[in-house]
Amino acid sequence: MQVQRWLRHTVPGFDQLSDAERSAIRDFSLLWSLFEGTVLATSANANSIVGAVNALRDQGRLTLAPFRRAIEHFRQRYYDGQNFTPAFEHLNLRGGDNRPLVEAFVSGGAIDEAETLAGLLIITYRLRKARGPAGCDMHPAYTFR
């Protein structure tokens, strides 16, 4: 595949990923685009994410079970049990990114499942924006592994 070849030669570390990891990046890009285009009505931002998650909660359709590994991963990556890690600042949260909600999620202080999922998805959104197209690293603080 031409795109895969280009990424291996252009993106540092991409050639060291396993086929499963490269597939996960490809699948994530597709799924996030679908999520953003349908659930968020092509308007991805913290407010639309919170609104979509709250709608799931209000409909009784919110469950965190599929997200447990991601929740644990991001909490460990961005909070050391007492303080936010340097990697947290590299999320480059902007004024509209609902930093208090993201901090509550990362530190384990989220009030309910909706806040937890919204915090996770806002981080995912920020990583997607920071990495750029096809998951390419745009900042050295982000690594594939």
N, C-alpha and C. Protein backbone atom coordinates (compact mmCIF):
# COMPACT_ATOMS: atom_id res chain seq x y z
N MET A 1 0.84 -1.17 0.00
CA MET A 1 0.00 0.00 0.00
C MET A 1 0.89 1.24 0.00
N GLN A 2 0.63 2.17 -0.87
CA GLN A 2 1.46 3.35 -1.03
C GLN A 2 1.45 4.26 0.20
N VAL A 3 0.32 4.43 0.84
CA VAL A 3 0.23 5.28 2.02
C VAL A 3 1.09 4.72 3.14
N GLN A 4 0.99 3.42 3.39
CA GLN A 4 1.79 2.77 4.43
C GLN A 4 3.28 2.94 4.16
N ARG A 5 3.69 2.79 2.93
CA ARG A 5 5.10 2.96 2.55
C ARG A 5 5.55 4.40 2.84
N TRP A 6 4.72 5.37 2.47
CA TRP A 6 5.06 6.76 2.71
C TRP A 6 5.19 7.04 4.21
N LEU A 7 4.24 6.53 5.00
CA LEU A 7 4.29 6.74 6.45
C LEU A 7 5.54 6.11 7.06
N ARG A 8 5.91 4.92 6.60
CA ARG A 8 7.11 4.26 7.13
C ARG A 8 8.37 5.08 6.87
N HIS A 9 8.41 5.75 5.75
CA HIS A 9 9.60 6.53 5.38
C HIS A 9 9.56 7.96 5.91
N THR A 10 8.40 8.45 6.28
CA THR A 10 8.25 9.86 6.63
C THR A 10 8.07 10.10 8.13
N VAL A 11 7.34 9.21 8.79
CA VAL A 11 6.98 9.42 10.20
C VAL A 11 7.95 8.64 11.09
N PRO A 12 8.72 9.35 11.92
CA PRO A 12 9.66 8.64 12.81
C PRO A 12 8.94 7.64 13.69
N GLY A 13 9.44 6.41 13.72
CA GLY A 13 8.89 5.37 14.57
C GLY A 13 7.78 4.55 13.92
N PHE A 14 7.20 5.04 12.84
CA PHE A 14 6.09 4.32 12.22
C PHE A 14 6.54 2.96 11.69
N ASP A 15 7.75 2.89 11.18
CA ASP A 15 8.26 1.63 10.63
C ASP A 15 8.53 0.59 11.71
N GLN A 16 8.59 1.02 12.98
CA GLN A 16 8.84 0.09 14.08
C GLN A 16 7.55 -0.47 14.67
N LEU A 17 6.42 0.01 14.20
CA LEU A 17 5.14 -0.48 14.70
C LEU A 17 4.82 -1.84 14.09
N SER A 18 4.12 -2.64 14.84
CA SER A 18 3.65 -3.93 14.32
C SER A 18 2.51 -3.70 13.34
N ASP A 19 2.18 -4.71 12.59
CA ASP A 19 1.04 -4.61 11.68
C ASP A 19 -0.24 -4.30 12.46
N ALA A 20 -0.38 -4.91 13.64
CA ALA A 20 -1.58 -4.67 14.46
C ALA A 20 -1.64 -3.21 14.91
N GLU A 21 -0.51 -2.64 15.28
CA GLU A 21 -0.50 -1.24 15.70
C GLU A 21 -0.81 -0.30 14.54
N ARG A 22 -0.26 -0.59 13.37
CA ARG A 22 -0.56 0.24 12.20
C ARG A 22 -2.04 0.09 11.82
N SER A 23 -2.56 -1.09 11.96
CA SER A 23 -3.98 -1.31 11.68
C SER A 23 -4.85 -0.54 12.67
N ALA A 24 -4.44 -0.51 13.93
CA ALA A 24 -5.21 0.22 14.95
C ALA A 24 -5.25 1.72 14.63
N ILE A 25 -4.13 2.27 14.16
CA ILE A 25 -4.10 3.68 13.78
C ILE A 25 -5.04 3.93 12.61
N ARG A 26 -5.00 3.06 11.63
CA ARG A 26 -5.88 3.20 10.47
C ARG A 26 -7.35 3.09 10.88
N ASP A 27 -7.65 2.10 11.71
CA ASP A 27 -9.03 1.91 12.15
C ASP A 27 -9.51 3.08 12.99
N PHE A 28 -8.63 3.59 13.87
CA PHE A 28 -9.00 4.73 14.68
C PHE A 28 -9.35 5.93 13.80
N SER A 29 -8.52 6.18 12.80
CA SER A 29 -8.77 7.33 11.91
C SER A 29 -10.14 7.21 11.25
N LEU A 30 -10.47 6.02 10.81
CA LEU A 30 -11.77 5.79 10.18
C LEU A 30 -12.91 5.96 11.19
N LEU A 31 -12.77 5.34 12.36
CA LEU A 31 -13.83 5.41 13.35
C LEU A 31 -14.02 6.82 13.90
N TRP A 32 -12.91 7.54 14.13
CA TRP A 32 -13.07 8.91 14.63
C TRP A 32 -13.76 9.78 13.59
N SER A 33 -13.39 9.61 12.33
CA SER A 33 -14.05 10.39 11.27
C SER A 33 -15.54 10.09 11.24
N LEU A 34 -15.90 8.83 11.38
CA LEU A 34 -17.31 8.44 11.42
C LEU A 34 -18.00 9.05 12.65
N PHE A 35 -17.36 8.97 13.81
CA PHE A 35 -17.91 9.55 15.04
C PHE A 35 -18.10 11.06 14.89
N GLU A 36 -17.07 11.72 14.40
CA GLU A 36 -17.15 13.17 14.24
C GLU A 36 -18.21 13.57 13.22
N GLY A 37 -18.31 12.81 12.14
CA GLY A 37 -19.25 13.15 11.09
C GLY A 37 -20.70 12.86 11.41
N THR A 38 -20.94 11.85 12.22
CA THR A 38 -22.32 11.47 12.50
C THR A 38 -22.77 11.92 13.89
N VAL A 39 -22.09 11.45 14.92
CA VAL A 39 -22.50 11.75 16.29
C VAL A 39 -22.32 13.23 16.61
N LEU A 40 -21.20 13.82 16.14
CA LEU A 40 -20.92 15.22 16.44
C LEU A 40 -21.35 16.16 15.33
N ALA A 41 -22.05 15.65 14.34
CA ALA A 41 -22.57 16.46 13.23
C ALA A 41 -21.50 17.33 12.59
N THR A 42 -20.33 16.75 12.37
CA THR A 42 -19.15 17.38 11.75
C THR A 42 -18.63 18.58 12.52
N SER A 43 -18.99 18.70 13.78
CA SER A 43 -18.54 19.83 14.59
C SER A 43 -17.89 19.33 15.87
N ALA A 44 -16.70 18.75 15.74
CA ALA A 44 -16.02 18.21 16.92
C ALA A 44 -15.41 19.34 17.73
N ASN A 45 -15.80 19.39 18.99
CA ASN A 45 -15.20 20.28 19.98
C ASN A 45 -15.67 19.77 21.34
N ALA A 46 -15.12 20.34 22.41
CA ALA A 46 -15.45 19.84 23.74
C ALA A 46 -16.95 19.93 24.02
N ASN A 47 -17.57 21.02 23.62
CA ASN A 47 -19.01 21.17 23.89
C ASN A 47 -19.84 20.12 23.16
N SER A 48 -19.51 19.84 21.90
CA SER A 48 -20.29 18.84 21.17
C SER A 48 -20.05 17.44 21.74
N ILE A 49 -18.83 17.19 22.21
CA ILE A 49 -18.53 15.90 22.84
C ILE A 49 -19.34 15.74 24.13
N VAL A 50 -19.33 16.76 24.98
CA VAL A 50 -20.10 16.71 26.23
C VAL A 50 -21.59 16.53 25.92
N GLY A 51 -22.09 17.25 24.93
CA GLY A 51 -23.50 17.12 24.56
C GLY A 51 -23.85 15.72 24.09
N ALA A 52 -23.00 15.12 23.26
CA ALA A 52 -23.25 13.77 22.76
C ALA A 52 -23.22 12.74 23.88
N VAL A 53 -22.26 12.88 24.79
CA VAL A 53 -22.16 11.95 25.92
C VAL A 53 -23.36 12.12 26.85
N ASN A 54 -23.75 13.35 27.12
CA ASN A 54 -24.92 13.57 27.97
C ASN A 54 -26.19 13.00 27.34
N ALA A 55 -26.30 13.08 26.02
CA ALA A 55 -27.45 12.49 25.34
C ALA A 55 -27.47 10.98 25.52
N LEU A 56 -26.30 10.33 25.43
CA LEU A 56 -26.23 8.88 25.68
C LEU A 56 -26.66 8.56 27.11
N ARG A 57 -26.18 9.36 28.06
CA ARG A 57 -26.55 9.15 29.46
C ARG A 57 -28.06 9.30 29.64
N ASP A 58 -28.62 10.35 29.06
CA ASP A 58 -30.05 10.62 29.22
C ASP A 58 -30.91 9.54 28.58
N GLN A 59 -30.38 8.88 27.56
CA GLN A 59 -31.10 7.80 26.89
C GLN A 59 -30.86 6.45 27.56
N GLY A 60 -30.03 6.43 28.60
CA GLY A 60 -29.72 5.18 29.29
C GLY A 60 -28.81 4.28 28.49
N ARG A 61 -28.05 4.84 27.57
CA ARG A 61 -27.20 4.04 26.68
C ARG A 61 -25.71 4.20 26.95
N LEU A 62 -25.34 4.82 28.07
CA LEU A 62 -23.94 5.08 28.38
C LEU A 62 -23.36 3.95 29.21
N THR A 63 -22.28 3.38 28.73
CA THR A 63 -21.53 2.38 29.48
C THR A 63 -20.05 2.62 29.26
N LEU A 64 -19.27 2.45 30.30
CA LEU A 64 -17.82 2.66 30.20
C LEU A 64 -17.06 1.36 29.94
N ALA A 65 -17.75 0.23 29.97
CA ALA A 65 -17.08 -1.05 29.83
C ALA A 65 -16.11 -1.11 28.64
N PRO A 66 -16.50 -0.68 27.44
CA PRO A 66 -15.56 -0.78 26.32
C PRO A 66 -14.36 0.16 26.43
N PHE A 67 -14.40 1.10 27.36
CA PHE A 67 -13.36 2.13 27.45
C PHE A 67 -12.43 1.96 28.65
N ARG A 68 -12.61 0.90 29.43
CA ARG A 68 -11.84 0.75 30.68
C ARG A 68 -10.33 0.81 30.46
N ARG A 69 -9.83 0.11 29.46
CA ARG A 69 -8.37 0.13 29.21
C ARG A 69 -7.89 1.52 28.83
N ALA A 70 -8.64 2.22 28.01
CA ALA A 70 -8.25 3.57 27.60
C ALA A 70 -8.31 4.52 28.79
N ILE A 71 -9.32 4.39 29.62
CA ILE A 71 -9.45 5.24 30.81
C ILE A 71 -8.23 5.06 31.70
N GLU A 72 -7.88 3.82 31.97
CA GLU A 72 -6.72 3.53 32.82
C GLU A 72 -5.43 4.05 32.18
N HIS A 73 -5.28 3.84 30.89
CA HIS A 73 -4.08 4.30 30.19
C HIS A 73 -3.89 5.81 30.31
N PHE A 74 -4.93 6.57 30.02
CA PHE A 74 -4.79 8.02 30.04
C PHE A 74 -4.65 8.56 31.47
N ARG A 75 -5.28 7.92 32.41
CA ARG A 75 -5.09 8.35 33.80
C ARG A 75 -3.65 8.14 34.24
N GLN A 76 -3.06 7.02 33.87
CA GLN A 76 -1.67 6.76 34.23
C GLN A 76 -0.71 7.67 33.46
N ARG A 77 -1.02 7.95 32.22
CA ARG A 77 -0.15 8.78 31.39
C ARG A 77 -0.14 10.24 31.85
N TYR A 78 -1.28 10.74 32.30
CA TYR A 78 -1.40 12.17 32.57
C TYR A 78 -1.49 12.54 34.05
N TYR A 79 -1.49 11.56 34.95
CA TYR A 79 -1.59 11.87 36.37
C TYR A 79 -0.79 10.83 37.14
N ASP A 80 0.11 11.29 38.01
CA ASP A 80 0.97 10.35 38.74
C ASP A 80 0.43 9.97 40.11
N GLY A 81 -0.79 10.32 40.40
CA GLY A 81 -1.40 10.03 41.69
C GLY A 81 -1.46 11.25 42.59
N GLN A 82 -0.61 12.24 42.29
CA GLN A 82 -0.62 13.48 43.06
C GLN A 82 -0.62 14.72 42.18
N ASN A 83 0.02 14.60 41.04
CA ASN A 83 0.19 15.75 40.15
C ASN A 83 -0.05 15.34 38.70
N PHE A 84 -0.39 16.34 37.90
CA PHE A 84 -0.48 16.10 36.46
C PHE A 84 0.94 15.96 35.92
N THR A 85 1.13 15.04 34.98
CA THR A 85 2.45 14.79 34.43
C THR A 85 2.78 15.84 33.37
N PRO A 86 4.05 15.97 33.00
CA PRO A 86 4.41 16.90 31.92
C PRO A 86 3.65 16.59 30.62
N ALA A 87 3.37 15.34 30.37
CA ALA A 87 2.64 14.97 29.16
C ALA A 87 1.25 15.62 29.13
N PHE A 88 0.66 15.86 30.30
CA PHE A 88 -0.66 16.49 30.35
C PHE A 88 -0.62 17.88 29.72
N GLU A 89 0.41 18.64 30.02
CA GLU A 89 0.52 19.98 29.45
C GLU A 89 0.69 19.95 27.94
N HIS A 90 1.26 18.87 27.43
CA HIS A 90 1.45 18.75 25.98
C HIS A 90 0.17 18.43 25.23
N LEU A 91 -0.92 18.23 25.97
CA LEU A 91 -2.22 18.13 25.29
C LEU A 91 -2.61 19.48 24.70
N ASN A 92 -2.00 20.53 25.22
CA ASN A 92 -2.28 21.89 24.74
C ASN A 92 -3.77 22.19 24.75
N LEU A 93 -4.39 21.94 25.89
CA LEU A 93 -5.81 22.23 26.03
C LEU A 93 -6.04 23.73 25.83
N ARG A 94 -7.00 24.04 25.00
CA ARG A 94 -7.33 25.43 24.70
C ARG A 94 -8.51 25.87 25.56
N GLY A 95 -8.82 27.15 25.49
CA GLY A 95 -9.88 27.72 26.32
C GLY A 95 -11.19 26.97 26.24
N GLY A 96 -11.59 26.51 25.07
CA GLY A 96 -12.87 25.84 24.89
C GLY A 96 -12.83 24.35 25.13
N ASP A 97 -11.69 23.82 25.58
CA ASP A 97 -11.55 22.36 25.72
C ASP A 97 -11.99 21.82 27.07
N ASN A 98 -12.59 22.66 27.91
CA ASN A 98 -13.13 22.24 29.20
C ASN A 98 -12.06 21.58 30.07
N ARG A 99 -10.99 22.32 30.30
CA ARG A 99 -9.88 21.82 31.11
C ARG A 99 -10.32 21.28 32.46
N PRO A 100 -11.22 21.95 33.21
CA PRO A 100 -11.63 21.39 34.50
C PRO A 100 -12.22 19.98 34.38
N LEU A 101 -12.99 19.73 33.37
CA LEU A 101 -13.57 18.39 33.17
C LEU A 101 -12.47 17.39 32.86
N VAL A 102 -11.52 17.76 31.99
CA VAL A 102 -10.42 16.86 31.63
C VAL A 102 -9.55 16.57 32.85
N GLU A 103 -9.27 17.60 33.65
CA GLU A 103 -8.49 17.40 34.87
C GLU A 103 -9.21 16.46 35.83
N ALA A 104 -10.53 16.64 35.97
CA ALA A 104 -11.31 15.77 36.85
C ALA A 104 -11.26 14.33 36.36
N PHE A 105 -11.38 14.14 35.06
CA PHE A 105 -11.30 12.78 34.50
C PHE A 105 -9.94 12.16 34.79
N VAL A 106 -8.87 12.87 34.47
CA VAL A 106 -7.51 12.33 34.60
C VAL A 106 -7.18 12.02 36.06
N SER A 107 -7.58 12.88 36.96
CA SER A 107 -7.24 12.70 38.38
C SER A 107 -8.19 11.74 39.11
N GLY A 108 -9.20 11.25 38.42
CA GLY A 108 -10.16 10.34 39.04
C GLY A 108 -11.26 11.05 39.79
N GLY A 109 -11.39 12.36 39.58
CA GLY A 109 -12.40 13.13 40.29
C GLY A 109 -13.68 13.37 39.52
N ALA A 110 -13.84 12.71 38.37
CA ALA A 110 -15.07 12.87 37.59
C ALA A 110 -16.26 12.42 38.43
N ILE A 111 -17.32 13.17 38.33
CA ILE A 111 -18.51 12.92 39.16
C ILE A 111 -19.26 11.67 38.72
N ASP A 112 -19.35 11.44 37.42
CA ASP A 112 -20.14 10.31 36.94
C ASP A 112 -19.54 9.76 35.64
N GLU A 113 -20.21 8.75 35.11
CA GLU A 113 -19.73 8.11 33.89
C GLU A 113 -19.72 9.07 32.71
N ALA A 114 -20.66 9.99 32.65
CA ALA A 114 -20.70 10.95 31.54
C ALA A 114 -19.46 11.84 31.56
N GLU A 115 -19.09 12.34 32.73
CA GLU A 115 -17.88 13.16 32.82
C GLU A 115 -16.64 12.35 32.47
N THR A 116 -16.61 11.10 32.89
CA THR A 116 -15.47 10.24 32.59
C THR A 116 -15.33 10.05 31.09
N LEU A 117 -16.42 9.67 30.42
CA LEU A 117 -16.34 9.45 28.98
C LEU A 117 -16.07 10.74 28.22
N ALA A 118 -16.68 11.83 28.63
CA ALA A 118 -16.43 13.12 27.97
C ALA A 118 -14.97 13.51 28.11
N GLY A 119 -14.39 13.34 29.30
CA GLY A 119 -12.97 13.65 29.49
C GLY A 119 -12.09 12.81 28.60
N LEU A 120 -12.38 11.52 28.52
CA LEU A 120 -11.62 10.62 27.65
C LEU A 120 -11.72 11.06 26.19
N LEU A 121 -12.91 11.37 25.73
CA LEU A 121 -13.10 11.75 24.33
C LEU A 121 -12.49 13.12 24.01
N ILE A 122 -12.47 14.02 24.97
CA ILE A 122 -11.83 15.32 24.73
C ILE A 122 -10.32 15.12 24.59
N ILE A 123 -9.74 14.26 25.42
CA ILE A 123 -8.31 13.96 25.26
C ILE A 123 -8.06 13.33 23.90
N THR A 124 -8.91 12.41 23.52
CA THR A 124 -8.77 11.76 22.21
C THR A 124 -8.85 12.80 21.10
N TYR A 125 -9.79 13.71 21.22
CA TYR A 125 -9.93 14.80 20.25
C TYR A 125 -8.67 15.64 20.19
N ARG A 126 -8.11 16.00 21.34
CA ARG A 126 -6.89 16.82 21.37
C ARG A 126 -5.73 16.05 20.74
N LEU A 127 -5.60 14.77 21.05
CA LEU A 127 -4.53 13.98 20.44
C LEU A 127 -4.71 13.90 18.93
N ARG A 128 -5.92 13.72 18.50
CA ARG A 128 -6.20 13.66 17.06
C ARG A 128 -5.81 14.97 16.39
N LYS A 129 -6.15 16.08 17.02
CA LYS A 129 -5.81 17.39 16.45
C LYS A 129 -4.30 17.62 16.49
N ALA A 130 -3.63 17.19 17.55
CA ALA A 130 -2.20 17.41 17.68
C ALA A 130 -1.39 16.52 16.76
N ARG A 131 -1.88 15.32 16.52
CA ARG A 131 -1.15 14.39 15.67
C ARG A 131 -1.32 14.68 14.20
N GLY A 132 -2.43 15.28 13.85
CA GLY A 132 -2.63 15.60 12.45
C GLY A 132 -3.11 14.40 11.65
N PRO A 133 -3.04 14.51 10.33
CA PRO A 133 -3.55 13.45 9.47
C PRO A 133 -2.81 12.14 9.66
N ALA A 134 -3.54 11.08 9.61
CA ALA A 134 -3.02 9.71 9.65
C ALA A 134 -2.23 9.41 10.91
N GLY A 135 -2.46 10.18 11.98
CA GLY A 135 -1.79 9.90 13.24
C GLY A 135 -0.34 10.33 13.26
N CYS A 136 0.10 11.16 12.34
CA CYS A 136 1.49 11.60 12.28
C CYS A 136 1.81 12.48 13.48
N ASP A 137 2.94 12.23 14.10
CA ASP A 137 3.35 13.04 15.24
C ASP A 137 3.63 14.46 14.82
N MET A 138 3.08 15.40 15.57
CA MET A 138 3.31 16.81 15.31
C MET A 138 4.10 17.44 16.46
N HIS A 139 4.31 16.72 17.55
CA HIS A 139 5.02 17.23 18.70
C HIS A 139 5.80 16.07 19.32
N PRO A 140 7.05 16.32 19.76
CA PRO A 140 7.85 15.23 20.29
C PRO A 140 7.30 14.62 21.57
N ALA A 141 6.38 15.28 22.25
CA ALA A 141 5.82 14.72 23.47
C ALA A 141 4.90 13.54 23.18
N TYR A 142 4.43 13.43 21.95
CA TYR A 142 3.57 12.32 21.58
C TYR A 142 4.43 11.22 20.96
N THR A 143 4.22 10.01 21.42
CA THR A 143 4.95 8.89 20.85
C THR A 143 3.96 7.82 20.45
N PHE A 144 4.36 7.00 19.51
CA PHE A 144 3.48 5.92 19.08
C PHE A 144 3.36 4.85 20.17
N ARG A 145 4.36 4.70 20.99
CA ARG A 145 4.33 3.64 22.01
C ARG A 145 4.25 4.22 23.38
